PDB file of N, CA and C in Angstrom:
ATOM      1  N   MET A   1      81.732 250.654 207.659  1.00  0.00           N
ATOM      2  CA  MET A   1      80.882 250.281 206.566  1.00  0.00           C
ATOM      3  C   MET A   1      81.696 249.881 205.339  1.00  0.00           C
ATOM      4  N   SER A   2      82.800 250.508 205.118  1.00  0.00           N
ATOM      5  CA  SER A   2      83.605 250.190 203.944  1.00  0.00           C
ATOM      6  C   SER A   2      84.233 248.800 204.045  1.00  0.00           C
ATOM      7  N   ALA A   3      84.495 248.338 205.272  1.00  0.00           N
ATOM      8  CA  ALA A   3      85.042 246.990 205.446  1.00  0.00           C
ATOM      9  C   ALA A   3      84.015 245.948 205.011  1.00  0.00           C
ATOM     10  N   LEU A   4      82.744 246.194 205.289  1.00  0.00           N
ATOM     11  CA  LEU A   4      81.691 245.275 204.859  1.00  0.00           C
ATOM     12  C   LEU A   4      81.569 245.249 203.340  1.00  0.00           C
ATOM     13  N   ILE A   5      81.723 246.394 202.719  1.00  0.00           N
ATOM     14  CA  ILE A   5      81.653 246.461 201.258  1.00  0.00           C
ATOM     15  C   ILE A   5      82.814 245.693 200.645  1.00  0.00           C
ATOM     16  N   VAL A   6      84.003 245.871 201.209  1.00  0.00           N
ATOM     17  CA  VAL A   6      85.180 245.157 200.703  1.00  0.00           C
ATOM     18  C   VAL A   6      84.998 243.656 200.891  1.00  0.00           C
ATOM     19  N   MET A   7      84.519 243.246 202.052  1.00  0.00           N
ATOM     20  CA  MET A   7      84.295 241.814 202.298  1.00  0.00           C
ATOM     21  C   MET A   7      83.241 241.267 201.349  1.00  0.00           C
ATOM     22  N   GLY A   8      82.209 242.035 201.078  1.00  0.00           N
ATOM     23  CA  GLY A   8      81.169 241.616 200.141  1.00  0.00           C
ATOM     24  C   GLY A   8      81.717 241.477 198.731  1.00  0.00           C
ATOM     25  N   LEU A   9      82.547 242.421 198.314  1.00  0.00           N
ATOM     26  CA  LEU A   9      83.161 242.346 196.988  1.00  0.00           C
ATOM     27  C   LEU A   9      84.099 241.144 196.874  1.00  0.00           C
ATOM     28  N   VAL A  10      84.857 240.873 197.928  1.00  0.00           N
ATOM     29  CA  VAL A  10      85.753 239.710 197.927  1.00  0.00           C
ATOM     30  C   VAL A  10      84.936 238.426 197.844  1.00  0.00           C
ATOM     31  N   LEU A  11      83.864 238.359 198.590  1.00  0.00           N
ATOM     32  CA  LEU A  11      83.003 237.176 198.567  1.00  0.00           C
ATOM     33  C   LEU A  11      82.389 236.974 197.186  1.00  0.00           C
ATOM     34  N   VAL A  12      81.909 238.051 196.590  1.00  0.00           N
ATOM     35  CA  VAL A  12      81.340 237.962 195.241  1.00  0.00           C
ATOM     36  C   VAL A  12      82.411 237.531 194.245  1.00  0.00           C
ATOM     37  N   ALA A  13      83.606 238.085 194.365  1.00  0.00           N
ATOM     38  CA  ALA A  13      84.706 237.722 193.462  1.00  0.00           C
ATOM     39  C   ALA A  13      85.036 236.246 193.583  1.00  0.00           C
ATOM     40  N   VAL A  14      85.085 235.732 194.805  1.00  0.00           N
ATOM     41  CA  VAL A  14      85.399 234.312 195.004  1.00  0.00           C
ATOM     42  C   VAL A  14      84.292 233.441 194.436  1.00  0.00           C
ATOM     43  N   VAL A  15      83.048 233.821 194.671  1.00  0.00           N
ATOM     44  CA  VAL A  15      81.916 233.021 194.209  1.00  0.00           C
ATOM     45  C   VAL A  15      81.804 233.058 192.690  1.00  0.00           C
ATOM     46  N   VAL A  16      82.115 234.174 192.068  1.00  0.00           N
ATOM     47  CA  VAL A  16      81.974 234.316 190.624  1.00  0.00           C
ATOM     48  C   VAL A  16      83.232 233.848 189.893  1.00  0.00           C
ATOM     49  N   ILE A  17      84.391 234.266 190.357  1.00  0.00           N
ATOM     50  CA  ILE A  17      85.634 233.975 189.652  1.00  0.00           C
ATOM     51  C   ILE A  17      86.054 232.513 189.826  1.00  0.00           C
ATOM     52  N   GLY A  18      85.780 231.930 190.976  1.00  0.00           N
ATOM     53  CA  GLY A  18      86.151 230.529 191.211  1.00  0.00           C
ATOM     54  C   GLY A  18      85.599 229.580 190.159  1.00  0.00           C
ATOM     55  N   PRO A  19      84.288 229.594 189.927  1.00  0.00           N
ATOM     56  CA  PRO A  19      83.737 228.714 188.889  1.00  0.00           C
ATOM     57  C   PRO A  19      84.242 229.032 187.489  1.00  0.00           C
ATOM     58  N   ILE A  20      84.478 230.314 187.204  1.00  0.00           N
ATOM     59  CA  ILE A  20      84.989 230.686 185.883  1.00  0.00           C
ATOM     60  C   ILE A  20      86.383 230.103 185.682  1.00  0.00           C
ATOM     61  N   ILE A  21      87.226 230.182 186.697  1.00  0.00           N
ATOM     62  CA  ILE A  21      88.570 229.603 186.600  1.00  0.00           C
ATOM     63  C   ILE A  21      88.480 228.087 186.457  1.00  0.00           C
ATOM     64  N   GLY A  22      87.578 227.455 187.205  1.00  0.00           N
ATOM     65  CA  GLY A  22      87.393 226.004 187.085  1.00  0.00           C
ATOM     66  C   GLY A  22      86.940 225.609 185.691  1.00  0.00           C
ATOM     67  N   LEU A  23      86.030 226.374 185.112  1.00  0.00           N
ATOM     68  CA  LEU A  23      85.559 226.108 183.756  1.00  0.00           C
ATOM     69  C   LEU A  23      86.687 226.277 182.749  1.00  0.00           C
ATOM     70  N   ALA A  24      87.470 227.340 182.916  1.00  0.00           N
ATOM     71  CA  ALA A  24      88.596 227.577 182.007  1.00  0.00           C
ATOM     72  C   ALA A  24      89.608 226.435 182.089  1.00  0.00           C
ATOM     73  N   MET A  25      89.893 225.964 183.282  1.00  0.00           N
ATOM     74  CA  MET A  25      90.843 224.852 183.435  1.00  0.00           C
ATOM     75  C   MET A  25      90.296 223.582 182.789  1.00  0.00           C
ATOM     76  N   GLY A  26      89.003 223.346 182.925  1.00  0.00           N
ATOM     77  CA  GLY A  26      88.384 222.184 182.284  1.00  0.00           C
ATOM     78  C   GLY A  26      88.467 222.269 180.769  1.00  0.00           C
ATOM     79  N   LEU A  27      88.277 223.460 180.216  1.00  0.00           N
ATOM     80  CA  LEU A  27      88.362 223.637 178.767  1.00  0.00           C
ATOM     81  C   LEU A  27      89.790 223.444 178.270  1.00  0.00           C
ATOM     82  N   VAL A  28      90.759 223.921 179.032  1.00  0.00           N
ATOM     83  CA  VAL A  28      92.163 223.721 178.658  1.00  0.00           C
ATOM     84  C   VAL A  28      92.511 222.238 178.685  1.00  0.00           C
ATOM     85  N   GLU A  29      92.045 221.530 179.699  1.00  0.00           N
ATOM     86  CA  GLU A  29      92.293 220.094 179.785  1.00  0.00           C
ATOM     87  C   GLU A  29      91.656 219.354 178.606  1.00  0.00           C
ATOM     88  N   LEU A  30      90.452 219.736 178.232  1.00  0.00           N
ATOM     89  CA  LEU A  30      89.784 219.130 177.085  1.00  0.00           C
ATOM     90  C   LEU A  30      90.543 219.423 175.796  1.00  0.00           C
ATOM     91  N   LEU A  31      91.015 220.640 175.627  1.00  0.00           N
ATOM     92  CA  LEU A  31      91.778 221.011 174.442  1.00  0.00           C
ATOM     93  C   LEU A  31      93.071 220.209 174.345  1.00  0.00           C
ATOM     94  N   ILE A  32      93.758 220.033 175.459  1.00  0.00           N
ATOM     95  CA  ILE A  32      94.995 219.237 175.462  1.00  0.00           C
ATOM     96  C   ILE A  32      94.690 217.785 175.095  1.00  0.00           C
ATOM     97  N   THR A  33      93.605 217.241 175.629  1.00  0.00           N
ATOM     98  CA  THR A  33      93.205 215.872 175.305  1.00  0.00           C
ATOM     99  C   THR A  33      92.940 215.729 173.811  1.00  0.00           C
ATOM    100  N   VAL A  34      92.191 216.657 173.238  1.00  0.00           N
ATOM    101  CA  VAL A  34      91.869 216.599 171.812  1.00  0.00           C
ATOM    102  C   VAL A  34      93.137 216.714 170.966  1.00  0.00           C
ATOM    103  N   LEU A  35      94.057 217.588 171.348  1.00  0.00           N
ATOM    104  CA  LEU A  35      95.317 217.723 170.608  1.00  0.00           C
ATOM    105  C   LEU A  35      96.124 216.427 170.638  1.00  0.00           C
ATOM    106  N   PHE A  36      96.167 215.775 171.783  1.00  0.00           N
ATOM    107  CA  PHE A  36      96.896 214.516 171.863  1.00  0.00           C
ATOM    108  C   PHE A  36      96.201 213.414 171.066  1.00  0.00           C
ATOM    109  N   TRP A  37      94.863 213.426 171.020  1.00  0.00           N
ATOM    110  CA  TRP A  37      94.151 212.441 170.215  1.00  0.00           C
ATOM    111  C   TRP A  37      94.404 212.666 168.730  1.00  0.00           C
ATOM    112  N   MET A  38      94.537 213.923 168.321  1.00  0.00           N
ATOM    113  CA  MET A  38      94.847 214.192 166.916  1.00  0.00           C
ATOM    114  C   MET A  38      96.243 213.674 166.582  1.00  0.00           C
ATOM    115  N   LEU A  39      97.183 213.862 167.472  1.00  0.00           N
ATOM    116  CA  LEU A  39      98.528 213.316 167.290  1.00  0.00           C
ATOM    117  C   LEU A  39      98.477 211.785 167.267  1.00  0.00           C
ATOM    118  N   ALA A  40      97.597 211.214 168.070  1.00  0.00           N
ATOM    119  CA  ALA A  40      97.439 209.759 168.095  1.00  0.00           C
ATOM    120  C   ALA A  40      96.943 209.241 166.753  1.00  0.00           C
ATOM    121  N   GLY A  41      96.078 209.974 166.085  1.00  0.00           N
ATOM    122  CA  GLY A  41      95.601 209.574 164.754  1.00  0.00           C
ATOM    123  C   GLY A  41      96.750 209.515 163.764  1.00  0.00           C
ATOM    124  N   MET A  42      97.640 210.478 163.838  1.00  0.00           N
ATOM    125  CA  MET A  42      98.802 210.484 162.954  1.00  0.00           C
ATOM    126  C   MET A  42      99.696 209.273 163.245  1.00  0.00           C
ATOM    127  N   LEU A  43      99.928 208.996 164.523  1.00  0.00           N
ATOM    128  CA  LEU A  43     100.763 207.843 164.884  1.00  0.00           C
ATOM    129  C   LEU A  43     100.109 206.529 164.485  1.00  0.00           C
ATOM    130  N   ALA A  44      98.797 206.424 164.671  1.00  0.00           N
ATOM    131  CA  ALA A  44      98.093 205.202 164.278  1.00  0.00           C
ATOM    132  C   ALA A  44      98.162 205.014 162.770  1.00  0.00           C
ATOM    133  N   GLY A  45      98.052 206.098 162.009  1.00  0.00           N
ATOM    134  CA  GLY A  45      98.181 206.004 160.553  1.00  0.00           C
ATOM    135  C   GLY A  45      99.562 205.499 160.150  1.00  0.00           C
ATOM    136  N   ARG A  46     100.570 205.938 160.862  1.00  0.00           N
ATOM    137  CA  ARG A  46     101.937 205.479 160.577  1.00  0.00           C
ATOM    138  C   ARG A  46     102.097 204.000 160.941  1.00  0.00           C
ATOM    139  N   LEU A  47     101.458 203.575 162.034  1.00  0.00           N
ATOM    140  CA  LEU A  47     101.537 202.169 162.445  1.00  0.00           C
ATOM    141  C   LEU A  47     100.802 201.251 161.474  1.00  0.00           C
ATOM    142  N   LEU A  48      99.627 201.669 161.033  1.00  0.00           N
ATOM    143  CA  LEU A  48      98.774 200.806 160.223  1.00  0.00           C
ATOM    144  C   LEU A  48      99.096 200.855 158.733  1.00  0.00           C
ATOM    145  N   ARG A  49      99.619 201.959 158.284  1.00  0.00           N
ATOM    146  CA  ARG A  49      99.764 202.152 156.846  1.00  0.00           C
ATOM    147  C   ARG A  49     101.201 202.441 156.432  1.00  0.00           C
ATOM    148  N   GLY A  50     102.045 202.829 157.371  1.00  0.00           N
ATOM    149  CA  GLY A  50     103.405 203.198 157.046  1.00  0.00           C
ATOM    150  C   GLY A  50     103.546 204.681 156.768  1.00  0.00           C
ATOM    151  N   ARG A  51     102.435 205.331 156.561  1.00  0.00           N
ATOM    152  CA  ARG A  51     102.383 206.788 156.405  1.00  0.00           C
ATOM    153  C   ARG A  51     101.001 207.223 156.886  1.00  0.00           C
ATOM    154  N   GLY A  52     100.802 208.488 157.061  1.00  0.00           N
ATOM    155  CA  GLY A  52      99.512 208.978 157.537  1.00  0.00           C
ATOM    156  C   GLY A  52      98.453 208.911 156.456  1.00  0.00           C
ATOM    157  N   TYR A  53      97.243 209.276 156.818  1.00  0.00           N
ATOM    158  CA  TYR A  53      96.124 209.291 155.882  1.00  0.00           C
ATOM    159  C   TYR A  53      95.851 210.695 155.359  1.00  0.00           C
ATOM    160  N   GLY A  54      96.648 211.646 155.744  1.00  0.00           N
ATOM    161  CA  GLY A  54      96.415 213.043 155.410  1.00  0.00           C
ATOM    162  C   GLY A  54      95.969 213.779 156.658  1.00  0.00           C
ATOM    163  N   PRO A  55      96.145 215.081 156.696  1.00  0.00           N
ATOM    164  CA  PRO A  55      95.866 215.829 157.927  1.00  0.00           C
ATOM    165  C   PRO A  55      94.437 215.680 158.446  1.00  0.00           C
ATOM    166  N   VAL A  56      93.462 215.796 157.572  1.00  0.00           N
ATOM    167  CA  VAL A  56      92.061 215.737 158.023  1.00  0.00           C
ATOM    168  C   VAL A  56      91.713 214.334 158.504  1.00  0.00           C
ATOM    169  N   ASP A  57      92.092 213.325 157.737  1.00  0.00           N
ATOM    170  CA  ASP A  57      91.777 211.949 158.129  1.00  0.00           C
ATOM    171  C   ASP A  57      92.534 211.536 159.389  1.00  0.00           C
ATOM    172  N   ASP A  58      93.775 212.005 159.550  1.00  0.00           N
ATOM    173  CA  ASP A  58      94.526 211.713 160.771  1.00  0.00           C
ATOM    174  C   ASP A  58      93.821 212.304 161.991  1.00  0.00           C
ATOM    175  N   VAL A  59      93.336 213.529 161.852  1.00  0.00           N
ATOM    176  CA  VAL A  59      92.632 214.185 162.958  1.00  0.00           C
ATOM    177  C   VAL A  59      91.356 213.431 163.293  1.00  0.00           C
ATOM    178  N   LEU A  60      90.571 213.091 162.277  1.00  0.00           N
ATOM    179  CA  LEU A  60      89.318 212.373 162.516  1.00  0.00           C
ATOM    180  C   LEU A  60      89.567 210.994 163.116  1.00  0.00           C
ATOM    181  N   LEU A  61      90.588 210.300 162.612  1.00  0.00           N
ATOM    182  CA  LEU A  61      90.930 208.985 163.158  1.00  0.00           C
ATOM    183  C   LEU A  61      91.374 209.111 164.608  1.00  0.00           C
ATOM    184  N   GLY A  62      92.150 210.140 164.917  1.00  0.00           N
ATOM    185  CA  GLY A  62      92.602 210.347 166.292  1.00  0.00           C
ATOM    186  C   GLY A  62      91.468 210.682 167.239  1.00  0.00           C
ATOM    187  N   LEU A  63      90.554 211.537 166.806  1.00  0.00           N
ATOM    188  CA  LEU A  63      89.414 211.895 167.663  1.00  0.00           C
ATOM    189  C   LEU A  63      88.514 210.696 167.914  1.00  0.00           C
ATOM    190  N   ALA A  64      88.188 209.960 166.853  1.00  0.00           N
ATOM    191  CA  ALA A  64      87.360 208.754 167.021  1.00  0.00           C
ATOM    192  C   ALA A  64      88.115 207.709 167.833  1.00  0.00           C
ATOM    193  N   GLY A  65      89.410 207.583 167.570  1.00  0.00           N
ATOM    194  CA  GLY A  65      90.221 206.621 168.306  1.00  0.00           C
ATOM    195  C   GLY A  65      90.322 206.972 169.784  1.00  0.00           C
ATOM    196  N   GLY A  66      90.412 208.254 170.102  1.00  0.00           N
ATOM    197  CA  GLY A  66      90.446 208.659 171.506  1.00  0.00           C
ATOM    198  C   GLY A  66      89.172 208.276 172.236  1.00  0.00           C
ATOM    199  N   PHE A  67      88.042 208.478 171.572  1.00  0.00           N
ATOM    200  CA  PHE A  67      86.767 208.101 172.182  1.00  0.00           C
ATOM    201  C   PHE A  67      86.666 206.588 172.332  1.00  0.00           C
ATOM    202  N   VAL A  68      86.972 205.853 171.252  1.00  0.00           N
ATOM    203  CA  VAL A  68      86.898 204.386 171.289  1.00  0.00           C
ATOM    204  C   VAL A  68      87.876 203.830 172.324  1.00  0.00           C
ATOM    205  N   GLY A  69      89.080 204.377 172.356  1.00  0.00           N
ATOM    206  CA  GLY A  69      90.076 203.920 173.324  1.00  0.00           C
ATOM    207  C   GLY A  69      89.642 204.162 174.760  1.00  0.00           C
ATOM    208  N   SER A  70      89.030 205.320 175.019  1.00  0.00           N
ATOM    209  CA  SER A  70      88.554 205.618 176.371  1.00  0.00           C
ATOM    210  C   SER A  70      87.484 204.625 176.809  1.00  0.00           C
ATOM    211  N   VAL A  71      86.546 204.350 175.910  1.00  0.00           N
ATOM    212  CA  VAL A  71      85.470 203.410 176.238  1.00  0.00           C
ATOM    213  C   VAL A  71      86.021 201.994 176.402  1.00  0.00           C
ATOM    214  N   ALA A  72      86.854 201.560 175.450  1.00  0.00           N
ATOM    215  CA  ALA A  72      87.371 200.190 175.483  1.00  0.00           C
ATOM    216  C   ALA A  72      88.238 199.951 176.716  1.00  0.00           C
ATOM    217  N   LEU A  73      89.112 200.901 177.040  1.00  0.00           N
ATOM    218  CA  LEU A  73      89.972 200.710 178.198  1.00  0.00           C
ATOM    219  C   LEU A  73      89.196 200.787 179.504  1.00  0.00           C
ATOM    220  N   SER A  74      88.132 201.575 179.537  1.00  0.00           N
ATOM    221  CA  SER A  74      87.282 201.620 180.731  1.00  0.00           C
ATOM    222  C   SER A  74      86.562 200.293 180.936  1.00  0.00           C
ATOM    223  N   LEU A  75      86.170 199.645 179.830  1.00  0.00           N
ATOM    224  CA  LEU A  75      85.472 198.363 179.938  1.00  0.00           C
ATOM    225  C   LEU A  75      86.348 197.270 180.519  1.00  0.00           C
ATOM    226  N   VAL A  76      87.659 197.369 180.327  1.00  0.00           N
ATOM    227  CA  VAL A  76      88.574 196.350 180.873  1.00  0.00           C
ATOM    228  C   VAL A  76      89.347 196.891 182.084  1.00  0.00           C
ATOM    229  N   ASN A  77      88.774 197.901 182.736  1.00  0.00           N
ATOM    230  CA  ASN A  77      89.343 198.506 183.943  1.00  0.00           C
ATOM    231  C   ASN A  77      90.748 199.064 183.760  1.00  0.00           C
ATOM    232  N   LEU A  78      91.049 199.582 182.585  1.00  0.00           N
ATOM    233  CA  LEU A  78      92.325 200.236 182.344  1.00  0.00           C
ATOM    234  C   LEU A  78      92.126 201.705 181.980  1.00  0.00           C
ATOM    235  N   GLY A  79      91.006 202.273 182.398  1.00  0.00           N
ATOM    236  CA  GLY A  79      90.691 203.654 182.084  1.00  0.00           C
ATOM    237  C   GLY A  79      91.673 204.652 182.684  1.00  0.00           C
ATOM    238  N   GLY A  80      92.397 204.242 183.708  1.00  0.00           N
ATOM    239  CA  GLY A  80      93.365 205.126 184.343  1.00  0.00           C
ATOM    240  C   GLY A  80      94.564 205.453 183.478  1.00  0.00           C
ATOM    241  N   ILE A  81      94.753 204.719 182.400  1.00  0.00           N
ATOM    242  CA  ILE A  81      95.882 204.996 181.504  1.00  0.00           C
ATOM    243  C   ILE A  81      95.787 206.419 180.969  1.00  0.00           C
ATOM    244  N   GLY A  82      94.585 206.878 180.712  1.00  0.00           N
ATOM    245  CA  GLY A  82      94.394 208.221 180.185  1.00  0.00           C
ATOM    246  C   GLY A  82      94.814 209.327 181.135  1.00  0.00           C
ATOM    247  N   SER A  83      94.976 209.017 182.406  1.00  0.00           N
ATOM    248  CA  SER A  83      95.365 210.046 183.365  1.00  0.00           C
ATOM    249  C   SER A  83      96.882 210.112 183.576  1.00  0.00           C
ATOM    250  N   ILE A  84      97.635 209.313 182.856  1.00  0.00           N
ATOM    251  CA  ILE A  84      99.097 209.421 182.927  1.00  0.00           C
ATOM    252  C   ILE A  84      99.481 210.760 182.309  1.00  0.00           C
ATOM    253  N   TRP A  85     100.258 211.532 183.002  1.00  0.00           N
ATOM    254  CA  TRP A  85     100.544 212.900 182.584  1.00  0.00           C
ATOM    255  C   TRP A  85     101.205 212.929 181.217  1.00  0.00           C
ATOM    256  N   LEU A  86     100.702 213.694 180.326  1.00  0.00           N
ATOM    257  CA  LEU A  86     101.141 213.962 178.961  1.00  0.00           C
ATOM    258  C   LEU A  86     100.977 212.801 177.994  1.00  0.00           C
ATOM    259  N   VAL A  87     101.430 211.622 178.306  1.00  0.00           N
ATOM    260  CA  VAL A  87     101.390 210.539 177.322  1.00  0.00           C
ATOM    261  C   VAL A  87     100.153 209.656 177.432  1.00  0.00           C
ATOM    262  N   GLY A  88      99.396 209.782 178.493  1.00  0.00           N
ATOM    263  CA  GLY A  88      98.229 208.924 178.685  1.00  0.00           C
ATOM    264  C   GLY A  88      97.201 209.061 177.586  1.00  0.00           C
ATOM    265  N   ASN A  89      96.856 210.294 177.237  1.00  0.00           N
ATOM    266  CA  ASN A  89      95.879 210.505 176.166  1.00  0.00           C
ATOM    267  C   ASN A  89      96.406 210.025 174.824  1.00  0.00           C
ATOM    268  N   LEU A  90      97.685 210.160 174.605  1.00  0.00           N
ATOM    269  CA  LEU A  90      98.292 209.682 173.360  1.00  0.00           C
ATOM    270  C   LEU A  90      98.193 208.157 173.274  1.00  0.00           C
ATOM    271  N   ILE A  91      98.487 207.475 174.356  1.00  0.00           N
ATOM    272  CA  ILE A  91      98.395 206.014 174.396  1.00  0.00           C
ATOM    273  C   ILE A  91      96.957 205.560 174.154  1.00  0.00           C
ATOM    274  N   VAL A  92      96.014 206.197 174.842  1.00  0.00           N
ATOM    275  CA  VAL A  92      94.598 205.849 174.688  1.00  0.00           C
ATOM    276  C   VAL A  92      94.144 206.085 173.250  1.00  0.00           C
ATOM    277  N   GLY A  93      94.547 207.200 172.667  1.00  0.00           N
ATOM    278  CA  GLY A  93      94.145 207.523 171.299  1.00  0.00           C
ATOM    279  C   GLY A  93      94.695 206.552 170.276  1.00  0.00           C
ATOM    280  N   VAL A  94      95.966 206.166 170.420  1.00  0.00           N
ATOM    281  CA  VAL A  94      96.569 205.219 169.474  1.00  0.00           C
ATOM    282  C   VAL A  94      95.909 203.850 169.607  1.00  0.00           C
ATOM    283  N   ILE A  95      95.728 203.392 170.836  1.00  0.00           N
ATOM    284  CA  ILE A  95      95.064 202.094 171.049  1.00  0.00           C
ATOM    285  C   ILE A  95      93.665 202.124 170.444  1.00  0.00           C
ATOM    286  N   GLY A  96      92.922 203.190 170.706  1.00  0.00           N
ATOM    287  CA  GLY A  96      91.564 203.300 170.179  1.00  0.00           C
ATOM    288  C   GLY A  96      91.515 203.389 168.665  1.00  0.00           C
ATOM    289  N   ALA A  97      92.431 204.132 168.064  1.00  0.00           N
ATOM    290  CA  ALA A  97      92.445 204.272 166.599  1.00  0.00           C
ATOM    291  C   ALA A  97      92.785 202.945 165.932  1.00  0.00           C
ATOM    292  N   VAL A  98      93.777 202.247 166.461  1.00  0.00           N
ATOM    293  CA  VAL A  98      94.138 200.938 165.898  1.00  0.00           C
ATOM    294  C   VAL A  98      92.980 199.964 166.077  1.00  0.00           C
ATOM    295  N   LEU A  99      92.353 199.972 167.238  1.00  0.00           N
ATOM    296  CA  LEU A  99      91.205 199.098 167.494  1.00  0.00           C
ATOM    297  C   LEU A  99      90.042 199.431 166.562  1.00  0.00           C
ATOM    298  N   LEU A 100      89.786 200.715 166.351  1.00  0.00           N
ATOM    299  CA  LEU A 100      88.705 201.143 165.463  1.00  0.00           C
ATOM    300  C   LEU A 100      88.933 200.677 164.030  1.00  0.00           C
ATOM    301  N   VAL A 101      90.130 200.874 163.512  1.00  0.00           N
ATOM    302  CA  VAL A 101      90.439 200.443 162.143  1.00  0.00           C
ATOM    303  C   VAL A 101      90.338 198.922 162.045  1.00  0.00           C
ATOM    304  N   TRP A 102      90.861 198.222 163.043  1.00  0.00           N
ATOM    305  CA  TRP A 102      90.803 196.757 163.022  1.00  0.00           C
ATOM    306  C   TRP A 102      89.348 196.273 163.026  1.00  0.00           C
ATOM    307  N   LEU A 103      88.502 196.883 163.871  1.00  0.00           N
ATOM    308  CA  LEU A 103      87.094 196.474 163.935  1.00  0.00           C
ATOM    309  C   LEU A 103      86.371 196.714 162.611  1.00  0.00           C
ATOM    310  N   ILE A 104      86.596 197.862 162.012  1.00  0.00           N
ATOM    311  CA  ILE A 104      85.920 198.157 160.745  1.00  0.00           C
ATOM    312  C   ILE A 104      86.393 197.217 159.649  1.00  0.00           C
ATOM    313  N   ARG A 105      87.685 196.928 159.627  1.00  0.00           N
ATOM    314  CA  ARG A 105      88.194 195.980 158.627  1.00  0.00           C
ATOM    315  C   ARG A 105      87.641 194.582 158.875  1.00  0.00           C
ATOM    316  N   THR A 106      87.531 194.178 160.121  1.00  0.00           N
ATOM    317  CA  THR A 106      87.033 192.851 160.461  1.00  0.00           C
ATOM    318  C   THR A 106      85.545 192.712 160.143  1.00  0.00           C
ATOM    319  N   LEU A 107      84.791 193.764 160.370  1.00  0.00           N
ATOM    320  CA  LEU A 107      83.346 193.702 160.176  1.00  0.00           C
ATOM    321  C   LEU A 107      82.900 193.859 158.733  1.00  0.00           C
ATOM    322  N   GLY A 108      83.826 194.013 157.817  1.00  0.00           N
ATOM    323  CA  GLY A 108      83.363 193.992 156.447  1.00  0.00           C
ATOM    324  C   GLY A 108      84.116 194.839 155.433  1.00  0.00           C
ATOM    325  N   ASN A 109      84.595 195.991 155.806  1.00  0.00           N
ATOM    326  CA  ASN A 109      85.237 196.856 154.841  1.00  0.00           C
ATOM    327  C   ASN A 109      86.755 196.598 154.856  1.00  0.00           C
ATOM    328  N   LYS A 110      87.180 195.626 154.065  1.00  0.00           N
ATOM    329  CA  LYS A 110      88.573 195.194 154.076  1.00  0.00           C
ATOM    330  C   LYS A 110      89.537 196.285 153.606  1.00  0.00           C
ATOM    331  N   ASP A 111      89.044 197.234 152.834  1.00  0.00           N
ATOM    332  CA  ASP A 111      89.896 198.287 152.299  1.00  0.00           C
ATOM    333  C   ASP A 111      89.873 199.558 153.139  1.00  0.00           C
ATOM    334  N   PHE A 112      89.193 199.536 154.283  1.00  0.00           N
ATOM    335  CA  PHE A 112      89.102 200.721 155.105  1.00  0.00           C
ATOM    336  C   PHE A 112      90.488 201.117 155.630  1.00  0.00           C
ATOM    337  N   ALA A 113      90.850 202.355 155.439  1.00  0.00           N
ATOM    338  CA  ALA A 113      92.105 202.932 155.943  1.00  0.00           C
ATOM    339  C   ALA A 113      93.324 202.170 155.471  1.00  0.00           C
ATOM    340  N   ARG A 114      93.351 201.841 154.208  1.00  0.00           N
ATOM    341  CA  ARG A 114      94.529 201.170 153.633  1.00  0.00           C
ATOM    342  C   ARG A 114      95.413 202.152 152.960  1.00  0.00           C
TER     343      ARG A 114
END
């Protein structure tokens, strides 16, 4: 009888702990992506302005740029760039941030992010 209890506990542990570990890994991956996008905002600020826009604006530019870059690169079938280990998210974020600033400047606000 004790072998059945042990097998039941192992089965419950696998069923419960497996998804929790998967969720934790997904959250870590998301956190790493966001951190690289924030770094991308700083790099984009250096590319576009010669210096950053300040910590908060660099972070916001990087986060928005990461989203814009992901969408834009997916539209031209280059979405796989983001899966390049370590530097992929940085590349996507910088491309997206530069594209975002360029679009806003082109569409009317010439002084945006100057």
